[in-house]
Amino acid sequence: MDIRLLVLALGTFSIGTDSFVVAGILPDVVRSFDIEVATAGQLITVYALTYALMTPVMATVTAHWQRRTVLAAGLAVFVVGNVLSAVLPTYDLVLASRALAGLGGAIFTPAASAMAAALVSPERRGRALAIVMAGLSGATALGAPIGTLVGSFGDWRLTMWFVATLGLLAMIGVRTLLPQMMPPPLLRLRERLAPVADPRVAMTLLTTLFVLSGLYTVYTYISIAFERATGGDGSRLAALISMWGVAAIAGNLAAGSLTDKFGSRRIINISLVIAVLDFAFMPMVNGTFAGASVVLVIWGFAGWGILVPQQHRLIGIAPTKAPLVIALNAAAIYIGVSLSGALGAIILHVFDPSFLGPVGAVLILAGLVTAELANRLIIGRTPAPVASGAAPESPRRS
């Protein structure tokens, strides 16, 4: 395997870990600043929202920079943001530092995908992109639970140092192992957002937004939602997050081959139905460690199983604009994550943690509705079979 791709994967791994690990250390943050858990959850919201909103903006701002420079700059900003999170004395300042870390991730990730595609021959680009993006899914299985465990040995600031170290190692790798490359053709911000004007793309992105909002309404406050199962023990919470992460990787890998075999529509619908049921019954079965384990394994497998067929659908809709629609889908993911933090805070303020799962189920169900609407729009745009009798693939597999 090309070690240069592993360097890029380490970068996405560190950024993904930073996104997922804060949920596991929220109780420590609450005690440290003497704030409510819903307030502490905004550390996740700010990071995710900055990442989502700034990804297309920074891709435009840095479009004329050489690629290695962009990657190193993004990781430098990311590292500084996490170091500041580890040392700043007040909640408001730490909140601002989370935005800075999210900005670094927004600079790095699109450039990492472009670099990965440029480093290999055309027939190996898919595998190269999969390796780099595996850093994000790997963060759920390894980075987040390890970071949570690190925090249980000291405090939450030690976890921020852990994430900053990962980013620093990736930055050193970028500077020493990756070549300089000229930037791709310049696109204005309006051109990057243009695919949203297609209602098929817009509805598919709305599916991603609804589903990720539902999934992360619980994940943002996972330490509270599963407190009965963990008893407040950080190591037990880390074990649960690790199970969720392993299931997420399995679901992501399985979704790839299943989508190739059955088409994206069937995999999207089945995954979402399973996720809706899992979240709806969550309060009834997550009171024990065994029950919580089952809930999280199903959630990880079905929830992460939606990402591949969603990308497959978007590329099928706009094959000539694949990099743009995939970047927009990534932005929709992080907007959903940021909205989930705010929504979860409202739920915890008005109700109690047992409502997080059912509310998540409603949002995922809304994603199932928009997914079917997207499919109907795709069917409506499908051309008639050619005269020779060769028919295109059924639109219901799109």
Protein backbone atom coordinates (compact mmCIF):
# COMPACT_ATOMS: atom_id res chain seq x y z
CA MET A 1 0.00 0.00 0.00
CA ASP A 2 1.24 3.48 -0.87
CA ILE A 3 2.43 5.07 2.38
CA ARG A 4 1.42 8.48 1.04
CA LEU A 5 -2.22 7.38 1.10
CA LEU A 6 -1.78 6.24 4.70
CA VAL A 7 -0.53 9.72 5.59
CA LEU A 8 -3.71 11.20 4.14
CA ALA A 9 -5.77 8.57 5.97
CA LEU A 10 -4.05 9.54 9.24
CA GLY A 11 -5.16 13.11 8.61
CA THR A 12 -8.81 12.15 8.07
CA PHE A 13 -8.53 9.78 11.06
CA SER A 14 -7.46 12.64 13.33
CA ILE A 15 -10.24 14.91 12.03
CA GLY A 16 -12.83 12.17 12.41
CA THR A 17 -11.61 11.37 15.92
CA ASP A 18 -11.97 15.02 16.88
CA SER A 19 -15.54 14.98 15.59
CA PHE A 20 -16.60 11.80 17.42
CA VAL A 21 -14.56 11.80 20.62
CA VAL A 22 -16.12 14.81 22.34
CA ALA A 23 -19.38 12.90 22.89
CA GLY A 24 -17.52 10.45 25.11
CA ILE A 25 -15.98 13.12 27.35
CA LEU A 26 -19.01 15.40 27.81
CA PRO A 27 -19.50 14.48 31.51
CA ASP A 28 -15.93 15.61 32.25
CA VAL A 29 -16.48 18.86 30.34
CA VAL A 30 -19.67 19.45 32.34
CA ARG A 31 -17.83 19.01 35.64
CA SER A 32 -14.86 21.08 34.51
CA PHE A 33 -16.87 24.18 33.62
CA ASP A 34 -19.88 23.55 35.88
CA ILE A 35 -22.31 23.75 32.95
CA GLU A 36 -25.28 21.71 31.75
CA VAL A 37 -24.67 18.74 29.47
CA ALA A 38 -26.73 20.39 26.72
CA THR A 39 -24.41 23.39 26.84
CA ALA A 40 -21.34 21.15 26.67
CA GLY A 41 -22.83 19.44 23.61
CA GLN A 42 -22.45 22.67 21.67
CA LEU A 43 -18.72 21.90 21.45
CA ILE A 44 -19.71 19.24 18.91
CA THR A 45 -22.21 21.53 17.19
CA VAL A 46 -19.71 24.34 16.65
CA TYR A 47 -17.02 22.00 15.28
CA ALA A 48 -19.42 20.28 12.88
CA LEU A 49 -21.14 23.47 11.73
CA THR A 50 -17.84 25.22 11.02
CA TYR A 51 -16.63 22.18 9.09
CA ALA A 52 -19.84 22.00 7.05
CA LEU A 53 -20.15 25.67 6.18
CA MET A 54 -16.47 26.34 5.57
CA THR A 55 -15.65 23.30 3.41
CA PRO A 56 -16.88 24.82 0.12
CA VAL A 57 -15.67 28.27 1.13
CA MET A 58 -12.13 27.16 1.96
CA ALA A 59 -11.99 24.95 -1.14
CA THR A 60 -12.58 28.15 -3.13
CA VAL A 61 -10.20 30.32 -1.07
CA THR A 62 -7.33 27.82 -1.35
CA ALA A 63 -8.06 26.77 -4.94
CA HIS A 64 -4.89 28.46 -6.30
CA TRP A 65 -2.59 27.03 -3.61
CA GLN A 66 -0.39 24.00 -4.23
CA ARG A 67 -1.99 20.88 -2.76
CA ARG A 68 0.66 19.97 -0.16
CA THR A 69 0.54 23.52 1.14
CA VAL A 70 -3.24 23.29 1.57
CA LEU A 71 -2.96 19.96 3.40
CA ALA A 72 -0.24 21.19 5.75
CA ALA A 73 -2.06 24.46 6.44
CA GLY A 74 -5.30 22.65 7.23
CA LEU A 75 -3.59 20.31 9.68
CA ALA A 76 -1.68 23.20 11.28
CA VAL A 77 -4.94 25.07 11.95
CA PHE A 78 -6.50 21.83 13.23
CA VAL A 79 -3.61 21.17 15.63
CA VAL A 80 -3.63 24.73 16.96
CA GLY A 81 -7.38 24.53 17.53
CA ASN A 82 -7.05 21.36 19.60
CA VAL A 83 -4.07 22.63 21.58
CA LEU A 84 -6.10 25.72 22.46
CA SER A 85 -9.01 23.48 23.49
CA ALA A 86 -6.62 21.68 25.83
CA VAL A 87 -5.27 24.80 27.55
CA LEU A 88 -7.89 27.56 27.45
CA PRO A 89 -9.48 28.23 30.86
CA THR A 90 -13.10 29.12 30.03
CA TYR A 91 -15.93 27.41 28.19
CA ASP A 92 -16.48 30.31 25.76
CA LEU A 93 -12.84 30.28 24.69
CA VAL A 94 -12.84 26.51 24.27
CA LEU A 95 -15.99 26.84 22.15
CA ALA A 96 -14.13 29.26 19.86
CA SER A 97 -11.20 26.88 19.65
CA ARG A 98 -13.54 24.10 18.50
CA ALA A 99 -14.57 26.32 15.59
CA LEU A 100 -10.89 26.79 14.73
CA ALA A 101 -10.32 23.01 14.75
CA GLY A 102 -13.36 22.55 12.49
CA LEU A 103 -11.93 25.11 10.09
CA GLY A 104 -8.73 23.08 9.85
CA GLY A 105 -10.73 19.97 8.99
CA ALA A 106 -12.66 21.89 6.34
CA ILE A 107 -9.38 22.92 4.67
CA PHE A 108 -7.80 19.46 4.81
CA THR A 109 -10.44 16.91 3.82
CA PRO A 110 -11.37 18.02 0.26
CA ALA A 111 -7.69 18.53 -0.58
CA ALA A 112 -6.87 15.06 0.79
CA SER A 113 -9.37 13.43 -1.57
CA ALA A 114 -8.00 15.39 -4.53
CA MET A 115 -4.41 14.47 -3.63
CA ALA A 116 -5.31 10.78 -3.26
CA ALA A 117 -6.90 10.71 -6.72
CA ALA A 118 -3.85 12.44 -8.22
CA LEU A 119 -1.29 10.11 -6.63
CA VAL A 120 -2.50 6.93 -8.36
CA SER A 121 -3.44 5.76 -11.84
CA PRO A 122 -7.08 6.25 -12.95
CA GLU A 123 -8.00 2.59 -12.46
CA ARG A 124 -6.90 2.78 -8.80
CA ARG A 125 -8.58 6.04 -7.83
CA GLY A 126 -11.60 4.40 -6.21
CA ARG A 127 -9.39 2.32 -3.93
CA ALA A 128 -7.23 5.33 -3.10
CA LEU A 129 -10.27 7.40 -2.13
CA ALA A 130 -11.60 4.50 -0.05
CA ILE A 131 -8.31 4.32 1.89
CA VAL A 132 -8.37 8.04 2.67
CA MET A 133 -12.03 8.03 3.67
CA ALA A 134 -11.48 4.90 5.77
CA GLY A 135 -9.75 7.26 8.16
CA LEU A 136 -13.12 8.76 9.03
CA SER A 137 -14.87 5.44 9.63
CA GLY A 138 -11.78 4.12 11.42
CA ALA A 139 -12.05 7.06 13.81
CA THR A 140 -15.38 5.67 15.05
CA ALA A 141 -13.90 2.23 15.78
CA LEU A 142 -10.51 3.29 17.18
CA GLY A 143 -10.02 7.04 17.56
CA ALA A 144 -13.19 7.88 19.50
CA PRO A 145 -13.03 5.00 22.02
CA ILE A 146 -9.26 5.42 22.54
CA GLY A 147 -9.73 9.16 23.06
CA THR A 148 -12.58 8.48 25.50
CA LEU A 149 -10.39 5.99 27.36
CA VAL A 150 -7.50 8.47 27.48
CA GLY A 151 -9.84 11.02 29.02
CA SER A 152 -10.94 8.50 31.67
CA PHE A 153 -7.31 8.16 32.81
CA GLY A 154 -6.85 11.90 33.22
CA ASP A 155 -9.40 14.49 32.17
CA TRP A 156 -10.98 15.67 28.93
CA ARG A 157 -8.06 18.03 28.20
CA LEU A 158 -5.77 15.01 27.87
CA THR A 159 -8.05 13.78 25.10
CA MET A 160 -7.59 17.07 23.25
CA TRP A 161 -3.81 16.64 23.50
CA PHE A 162 -4.23 13.12 22.07
CA VAL A 163 -6.15 14.46 19.05
CA ALA A 164 -3.64 17.29 18.53
CA THR A 165 -0.83 14.72 18.51
CA LEU A 166 -2.57 12.70 15.80
CA GLY A 167 -2.92 15.85 13.70
CA LEU A 168 0.72 16.79 14.25
CA LEU A 169 1.92 13.34 13.12
CA ALA A 170 -0.20 13.66 9.98
CA MET A 171 1.19 17.13 9.30
CA ILE A 172 4.78 15.86 9.59
CA GLY A 173 3.93 13.06 7.18
CA VAL A 174 2.41 15.50 4.70
CA ARG A 175 5.46 17.75 4.79
CA THR A 176 8.00 14.94 4.42
CA LEU A 177 6.32 12.33 2.20
CA LEU A 178 3.89 14.08 -0.14
CA PRO A 179 4.92 15.91 -3.32
CA GLN A 180 3.85 19.41 -4.28
CA MET A 181 1.11 19.40 -6.88
CA MET A 182 -0.41 22.17 -8.90
CA PRO A 183 -3.99 23.08 -7.99
CA PRO A 184 -6.92 21.78 -10.05
CA PRO A 185 -8.90 24.10 -12.36
CA LEU A 186 -10.39 27.00 -10.44
CA LEU A 187 -14.09 26.84 -9.57
CA ARG A 188 -16.01 29.71 -8.07
CA LEU A 189 -18.20 29.15 -5.01
CA ARG A 190 -21.33 29.49 -7.13
CA GLU A 191 -20.11 26.70 -9.41
CA ARG A 192 -19.39 24.46 -6.42
CA LEU A 193 -22.97 24.91 -5.16
CA ALA A 194 -24.63 24.68 -8.59
CA PRO A 195 -25.57 20.94 -8.35
CA VAL A 196 -28.05 21.76 -5.56
CA ALA A 197 -30.29 23.35 -8.21
CA ASP A 198 -31.05 19.84 -9.48
CA PRO A 199 -34.05 18.66 -7.38
CA ARG A 200 -32.77 15.06 -7.45
CA VAL A 201 -29.49 16.17 -5.88
CA ALA A 202 -31.25 18.48 -3.44
CA MET A 203 -33.62 15.75 -2.24
CA THR A 204 -30.77 13.25 -1.86
CA LEU A 205 -28.76 15.76 0.17
CA LEU A 206 -31.85 16.42 2.29
CA THR A 207 -31.99 12.68 3.00
CA THR A 208 -28.42 12.80 4.27
CA LEU A 209 -29.25 15.85 6.38
CA PHE A 210 -32.32 14.26 8.02
CA VAL A 211 -30.68 10.88 8.63
CA LEU A 212 -27.46 12.25 10.12
CA SER A 213 -29.44 14.66 12.30
CA GLY A 214 -31.41 11.71 13.64
CA LEU A 215 -28.40 9.47 14.17
CA TYR A 216 -26.35 12.11 15.95
CA THR A 217 -29.15 13.48 18.10
CA VAL A 218 -28.33 10.43 20.21
CA TYR A 219 -24.59 10.17 19.53
CA THR A 220 -23.82 13.74 20.59
CA TYR A 221 -25.20 12.86 24.03
CA ILE A 222 -24.28 9.17 24.04
CA SER A 223 -22.77 9.39 27.53
CA ILE A 224 -26.15 10.56 28.86
CA ALA A 225 -28.38 8.40 26.64
CA PHE A 226 -26.59 5.21 27.76
CA GLU A 227 -25.77 6.20 31.33
CA ARG A 228 -27.93 3.40 32.75
CA ALA A 229 -25.83 0.86 30.85
CA THR A 230 -22.43 2.35 31.70
CA GLY A 231 -23.06 3.57 35.23
CA GLY A 232 -20.92 6.59 34.35
CA ASP A 233 -17.85 4.39 33.79
CA GLY A 234 -15.69 5.87 31.01
CA SER A 235 -14.14 2.52 30.10
CA ARG A 236 -17.57 0.92 29.63
CA LEU A 237 -18.63 3.85 27.47
CA ALA A 238 -15.43 3.48 25.42
CA ALA A 239 -16.25 -0.20 24.92
CA LEU A 240 -19.75 0.66 23.67
CA ILE A 241 -18.39 3.30 21.29
CA SER A 242 -15.84 0.78 20.02
CA MET A 243 -18.60 -1.76 19.26
CA TRP A 244 -20.50 0.96 17.43
CA GLY A 245 -17.40 1.86 15.44
CA VAL A 246 -16.60 -1.73 14.44
CA ALA A 247 -20.20 -2.20 13.32
CA ALA A 248 -19.95 1.08 11.38
CA ILE A 249 -16.92 -0.17 9.45
CA ALA A 250 -18.68 -3.49 8.75
CA GLY A 251 -21.82 -1.68 7.59
CA ASN A 252 -19.81 0.65 5.37
CA LEU A 253 -17.96 -2.24 3.70
CA ALA A 254 -21.07 -4.40 3.32
CA ALA A 255 -23.04 -1.52 1.82
CA GLY A 256 -20.50 -1.19 -0.99
CA SER A 257 -20.89 -4.75 -2.31
CA LEU A 258 -24.64 -4.84 -1.61
CA THR A 259 -25.18 -1.58 -3.49
CA ASP A 260 -23.31 -2.96 -6.50
CA LYS A 261 -25.52 -6.06 -6.39
CA PHE A 262 -28.94 -4.66 -5.54
CA GLY A 263 -28.75 -0.94 -6.34
CA SER A 264 -28.77 1.98 -3.91
CA ARG A 265 -32.55 2.32 -3.45
CA ARG A 266 -33.03 -1.05 -1.78
CA ILE A 267 -30.01 -0.65 0.50
CA ILE A 268 -31.01 2.89 1.49
CA ASN A 269 -34.57 1.86 2.33
CA ILE A 270 -33.64 -1.29 4.26
CA SER A 271 -30.94 0.52 6.24
CA LEU A 272 -33.28 3.35 7.17
CA VAL A 273 -36.15 1.07 8.20
CA ILE A 274 -33.79 -0.87 10.48
CA ALA A 275 -32.41 2.36 11.95
CA VAL A 276 -35.91 3.77 12.58
CA LEU A 277 -36.94 0.65 14.51
CA ASP A 278 -33.67 0.56 16.44
CA PHE A 279 -34.01 4.16 17.58
CA ALA A 280 -37.74 3.91 18.31
CA PHE A 281 -37.21 0.99 20.72
CA MET A 282 -33.94 2.32 22.14
CA PRO A 283 -35.33 3.54 25.50
CA MET A 284 -36.83 0.09 26.19
CA VAL A 285 -33.65 -1.97 25.73
CA ASN A 286 -30.63 0.23 26.53
CA GLY A 287 -30.87 0.00 30.29
CA THR A 288 -28.31 -2.82 30.46
CA PHE A 289 -24.85 -3.13 28.96
CA ALA A 290 -25.95 -6.11 26.85
CA GLY A 291 -29.03 -4.30 25.54
CA ALA A 292 -27.05 -1.16 24.80
CA SER A 293 -24.49 -3.25 22.92
CA VAL A 294 -27.17 -4.69 20.64
CA VAL A 295 -28.67 -1.25 20.01
CA LEU A 296 -25.30 0.27 19.13
CA VAL A 297 -24.22 -2.57 16.84
CA ILE A 298 -27.46 -2.33 14.86
CA TRP A 299 -27.16 1.46 14.80
CA GLY A 300 -23.55 1.40 13.61
CA PHE A 301 -24.19 -1.17 10.88
CA ALA A 302 -27.40 0.35 9.50
CA GLY A 303 -26.53 4.00 10.13
CA TRP A 304 -23.15 3.92 8.40
CA GLY A 305 -24.57 1.60 5.76
CA ILE A 306 -26.45 4.57 4.33
CA LEU A 307 -23.40 6.58 3.29
CA VAL A 308 -22.13 4.46 0.40
CA PRO A 309 -25.49 4.09 -1.40
CA GLN A 310 -26.12 7.81 -0.92
CA GLN A 311 -22.83 8.59 -2.67
CA HIS A 312 -23.64 6.00 -5.32
CA ARG A 313 -26.97 7.69 -5.97
CA LEU A 314 -25.43 11.16 -6.21
CA ILE A 315 -22.73 10.03 -8.65
CA GLY A 316 -25.40 8.30 -10.74
CA ILE A 317 -27.41 11.53 -10.89
CA ALA A 318 -24.46 13.78 -11.81
CA PRO A 319 -21.50 11.63 -12.96
CA THR A 320 -19.68 14.58 -14.53
CA LYS A 321 -19.92 16.52 -11.26
CA ALA A 322 -19.04 13.65 -8.92
CA PRO A 323 -16.41 15.53 -6.85
CA LEU A 324 -18.79 18.44 -6.30
CA VAL A 325 -21.81 16.36 -5.23
CA ILE A 326 -19.70 14.20 -2.92
CA ALA A 327 -18.29 17.34 -1.28
CA LEU A 328 -21.83 18.68 -0.88
CA ASN A 329 -22.88 15.38 0.69
CA ALA A 330 -20.00 15.68 3.17
CA ALA A 331 -21.22 19.20 4.03
CA ALA A 332 -24.76 17.85 4.52
CA ILE A 333 -23.38 15.21 6.92
CA TYR A 334 -21.74 17.81 9.12
CA ILE A 335 -24.69 20.20 8.98
CA GLY A 336 -26.80 17.29 10.21
CA VAL A 337 -24.31 16.61 13.02
CA SER A 338 -24.34 20.27 14.05
CA LEU A 339 -28.14 20.46 14.03
CA SER A 340 -28.32 17.31 16.13
CA GLY A 341 -26.31 18.95 18.88
CA ALA A 342 -28.73 21.87 19.10
CA LEU A 343 -31.81 19.64 18.84
CA GLY A 344 -30.51 17.25 21.49
CA ALA A 345 -29.88 20.18 23.81
CA ILE A 346 -33.50 21.28 23.45
CA ILE A 347 -34.75 17.73 24.12
CA LEU A 348 -32.64 17.43 27.27
CA HIS A 349 -33.82 20.84 28.47
CA VAL A 350 -37.54 20.12 27.96
CA PHE A 351 -37.75 16.34 28.41
CA ASP A 352 -35.28 13.66 29.51
CA PRO A 353 -32.65 11.50 27.74
CA SER A 354 -35.14 8.71 26.96
CA PHE A 355 -36.69 10.97 24.28
CA LEU A 356 -33.46 11.23 22.27
CA GLY A 357 -33.91 7.87 20.52
CA PRO A 358 -37.56 8.33 19.44
CA VAL A 359 -36.89 11.86 18.18
CA GLY A 360 -33.95 10.48 16.20
CA ALA A 361 -36.29 7.82 14.77
CA VAL A 362 -38.67 10.54 13.52
CA LEU A 363 -35.85 12.35 11.74
CA ILE A 364 -34.57 9.13 10.15
CA LEU A 365 -38.13 8.38 9.02
CA ALA A 366 -38.21 11.83 7.38
CA GLY A 367 -35.00 10.82 5.59
CA LEU A 368 -36.71 7.67 4.31
CA VAL A 369 -39.52 9.82 2.86
CA THR A 370 -37.11 12.19 1.09
CA ALA A 371 -35.11 9.20 -0.19
CA GLU A 372 -38.22 7.85 -1.90
CA LEU A 373 -39.06 11.30 -3.27
CA ALA A 374 -35.54 11.46 -4.71
CA ASN A 375 -36.05 8.06 -6.31
CA ARG A 376 -39.31 9.21 -7.94
CA LEU A 377 -37.54 12.24 -9.36
CA ILE A 378 -34.78 9.98 -10.69
CA ILE A 379 -37.35 7.72 -12.33
CA GLY A 380 -38.98 10.75 -13.94
CA ARG A 381 -35.66 11.76 -15.51
CA THR A 382 -34.72 8.28 -16.79
CA PRO A 383 -34.49 8.13 -20.60
CA ALA A 384 -36.48 5.58 -22.57
CA PRO A 385 -34.70 2.35 -23.66
CA VAL A 386 -32.71 2.61 -26.88
CA ALA A 387 -34.16 1.25 -30.12
CA SER A 388 -31.77 -1.72 -30.27
CA GLY A 389 -33.54 -3.19 -27.26
CA ALA A 390 -30.71 -2.64 -24.80
CA ALA A 391 -32.32 -1.15 -21.70
CA PRO A 392 -30.53 0.89 -19.09
CA GLU A 393 -30.33 -0.25 -15.49
CA SER A 394 -33.65 0.04 -13.68
CA PRO A 395 -34.00 3.48 -12.09
CA ARG A 396 -35.18 1.84 -8.90
CA ARG A 397 -31.60 0.65 -8.41
CA SER A 398 -30.28 4.21 -8.57
